[in-house]
Amino acid sequence: MSLKLTKPQGHALFVVLTCLFMSCGISIALTFVKLGFHERFVSEWTKSWAISFLVSVPIAFVAVPVARRIADSVTR
């Protein structure tokens, strides 16, 4: 059995995975700047990551198509 997604499902997966990776990296960086390697680092980072991921996904579903249209309008 092979798992194949439709184009819209693939796009949705792409958006969610991009948000997952970007929110992880940004939340690690910001938590480190805020706390350094503190004993609360992991708990603060996971809380920050969860919030940033939940915020970034709906924004990305709106922003990605807009960004694609803007990029398409200025390219040949």
Protein backbone atom coordinates (compact mmCIF):
# COMPACT_ATOMS: atom_id res chain seq x y z
CA MET A 1 0.00 0.00 0.00
CA SER A 2 1.40 3.33 -1.07
CA LEU A 3 0.40 6.63 0.49
CA LYS A 4 -0.12 9.21 -2.23
CA LEU A 5 -1.62 12.59 -1.51
CA THR A 6 -3.57 14.77 -3.88
CA LYS A 7 -2.06 18.13 -4.86
CA PRO A 8 -4.18 20.09 -2.33
CA GLN A 9 -3.34 17.59 0.42
CA GLY A 10 0.35 17.81 -0.52
CA HIS A 11 0.17 21.60 -0.35
CA ALA A 12 -1.47 21.44 3.10
CA LEU A 13 1.20 19.00 4.31
CA PHE A 14 3.93 21.28 2.94
CA VAL A 15 2.49 24.29 4.80
CA VAL A 16 2.15 22.38 8.09
CA LEU A 17 5.67 20.89 7.88
CA THR A 18 7.19 24.25 6.99
CA CYS A 19 5.45 25.84 9.99
CA LEU A 20 6.60 22.98 12.20
CA PHE A 21 10.27 23.38 11.25
CA MET A 22 10.29 27.18 11.18
CA SER A 23 8.47 27.59 14.49
CA CYS A 24 10.82 25.05 16.08
CA GLY A 25 13.96 26.88 14.98
CA ILE A 26 12.69 30.35 15.80
CA SER A 27 11.34 29.33 19.21
CA ILE A 28 14.65 27.65 20.11
CA ALA A 29 16.57 30.78 19.13
CA LEU A 30 14.27 33.16 20.98
CA THR A 31 14.11 30.99 24.09
CA PHE A 32 17.91 30.79 24.13
CA VAL A 33 18.23 34.57 23.76
CA LYS A 34 15.72 35.07 26.57
CA LEU A 35 17.00 32.44 29.03
CA GLY A 36 20.28 30.97 27.82
CA PHE A 37 20.71 27.30 28.72
CA HIS A 38 18.69 27.56 31.90
CA GLU A 39 17.08 24.74 33.85
CA ARG A 40 13.69 25.91 32.52
CA PHE A 41 14.91 25.99 28.91
CA VAL A 42 13.12 22.84 27.68
CA SER A 43 9.80 23.61 29.36
CA GLU A 44 9.82 27.24 28.19
CA TRP A 45 10.87 26.21 24.68
CA THR A 46 8.14 23.59 24.28
CA LYS A 47 5.51 26.06 25.46
CA SER A 48 6.85 28.70 23.08
CA TRP A 49 7.01 26.19 20.21
CA ALA A 50 3.42 25.03 20.73
CA ILE A 51 2.11 28.59 20.74
CA SER A 52 4.16 29.68 17.73
CA PHE A 53 3.14 26.59 15.74
CA LEU A 54 -0.55 27.11 16.48
CA VAL A 55 -0.27 30.75 15.42
CA SER A 56 1.87 30.13 12.32
CA VAL A 57 -0.28 27.45 10.64
CA PRO A 58 -3.40 29.56 9.98
CA ILE A 59 -1.26 32.55 9.02
CA ALA A 60 0.70 30.41 6.55
CA PHE A 61 -2.46 29.10 4.88
CA VAL A 62 -3.32 32.72 4.08
CA ALA A 63 0.19 34.07 3.49
CA VAL A 64 1.58 31.33 1.21
CA PRO A 65 -0.95 31.80 -1.61
CA VAL A 66 -0.59 35.58 -1.38
CA ALA A 67 3.20 35.33 -1.47
CA ARG A 68 2.99 32.92 -4.42
CA ARG A 69 0.77 35.36 -6.36
CA ILE A 70 3.13 38.27 -5.62
CA ALA A 71 6.17 36.24 -6.68
CA ASP A 72 4.40 35.07 -9.83
CA SER A 73 3.47 38.64 -10.73
CA VAL A 74 7.10 39.81 -10.68
CA THR A 75 8.66 36.83 -12.45
CA ARG A 76 8.66 35.89 -16.12
